[in-house]
């Protein structure tokens, strides 16, 4: 009797798991995510006190992108900073 009860409960759990995975909606929903506002202001770069350059948002985004490692290396070869 106990084995039959365990078997029935196991089959019920298996059926419930199958039904839960198959009852989702098929309609695709899209959520409009608002874009964050662009940062305001300018960046001023001073080159050793000799020259000054002011960059606005358009000038910064027009610059070429570079990829590289984000860490520094000490004189003995130890990496520090974000890896």
Protein backbone atom coordinates (compact mmCIF):
# COMPACT_ATOMS: atom_id res chain seq x y z
CA UNK A 1 0.00 0.00 0.00
CA UNK A 2 2.80 2.43 0.91
CA UNK A 3 4.69 1.72 -2.33
CA UNK A 4 1.56 2.50 -4.36
CA UNK A 5 1.07 5.78 -2.50
CA UNK A 6 4.68 6.82 -3.15
CA UNK A 7 4.31 5.84 -6.81
CA UNK A 8 1.10 7.86 -7.19
CA UNK A 9 2.63 10.90 -5.45
CA UNK A 10 5.71 10.66 -7.66
CA UNK A 11 3.60 10.52 -10.81
CA UNK A 12 1.54 13.50 -9.60
CA UNK A 13 4.71 15.51 -9.01
CA UNK A 14 6.06 14.55 -12.43
CA UNK A 15 2.78 15.52 -14.10
CA UNK A 16 2.72 18.84 -12.21
CA UNK A 17 6.28 19.61 -13.32
CA UNK A 18 5.41 18.88 -16.95
CA UNK A 19 2.25 20.99 -16.83
CA UNK A 20 4.05 23.94 -15.22
CA UNK A 21 6.61 24.00 -18.00
CA UNK A 22 4.05 23.83 -20.79
CA UNK A 23 1.45 26.34 -19.70
CA UNK A 24 3.34 29.55 -20.50
CA UNK A 25 1.91 32.16 -22.83
CA UNK A 26 3.12 32.27 -26.41
CA UNK A 27 2.59 35.98 -27.03
CA UNK A 28 5.77 38.00 -27.14
CA UNK A 29 5.75 41.01 -24.92
CA UNK A 30 8.05 43.97 -25.33
CA UNK A 31 8.71 46.43 -22.59
CA UNK A 32 9.73 49.94 -23.55
CA UNK A 33 12.84 50.85 -21.59
CA UNK A 34 13.46 54.58 -21.51
CA UNK A 35 16.98 55.64 -22.42
CA UNK A 36 18.87 57.41 -19.68
CA UNK A 37 19.46 61.11 -20.24
CA UNK A 38 22.78 62.13 -21.69
CA UNK A 39 25.24 63.51 -19.20
CA UNK A 40 25.46 67.27 -19.13
CA UNK A 41 28.45 69.52 -18.86
CA UNK A 42 31.88 69.53 -20.38
CA UNK A 43 35.24 68.02 -19.52
CA UNK A 44 38.25 70.32 -19.30
CA UNK A 45 41.67 68.77 -19.91
CA UNK A 46 44.70 70.76 -18.80
CA UNK A 47 47.98 69.62 -20.31
CA UNK A 48 50.71 70.43 -17.79
CA UNK A 49 49.46 73.99 -17.38
CA UNK A 50 50.47 74.88 -20.94
CA UNK A 51 47.25 74.24 -22.82
CA UNK A 52 43.62 73.66 -22.03
CA UNK A 53 41.04 71.71 -24.07
CA UNK A 54 37.29 71.64 -23.38
CA UNK A 55 35.40 68.60 -24.66
CA UNK A 56 31.62 68.38 -24.90
CA UNK A 57 29.59 65.17 -25.23
CA UNK A 58 29.68 65.16 -29.05
CA UNK A 59 33.48 65.55 -29.08
CA UNK A 60 33.90 62.69 -26.61
CA UNK A 61 31.63 60.28 -28.52
CA UNK A 62 33.39 61.18 -31.80
CA UNK A 63 36.71 59.90 -30.43
CA UNK A 64 37.89 56.46 -31.58
CA UNK A 65 37.40 53.55 -29.19
CA UNK A 66 40.38 51.61 -27.86
CA UNK A 67 40.56 48.23 -26.14
CA UNK A 68 43.26 47.08 -23.81
CA UNK A 69 44.11 45.74 -20.40
CA UNK A 70 42.68 47.57 -17.39
CA UNK A 71 45.55 47.11 -14.98
CA UNK A 72 49.00 48.44 -14.19
CA UNK A 73 52.19 46.45 -13.79
CA UNK A 74 54.79 47.12 -11.12
CA UNK A 75 58.54 47.03 -11.80
CA UNK A 76 58.68 43.39 -10.69
CA UNK A 77 55.75 42.32 -12.85
CA UNK A 78 52.91 42.29 -10.32
CA UNK A 79 49.56 43.28 -11.82
CA UNK A 80 47.45 45.71 -9.81
CA UNK A 81 44.16 47.39 -10.46
CA UNK A 82 41.05 45.94 -12.11
CA UNK A 83 41.69 42.73 -14.00
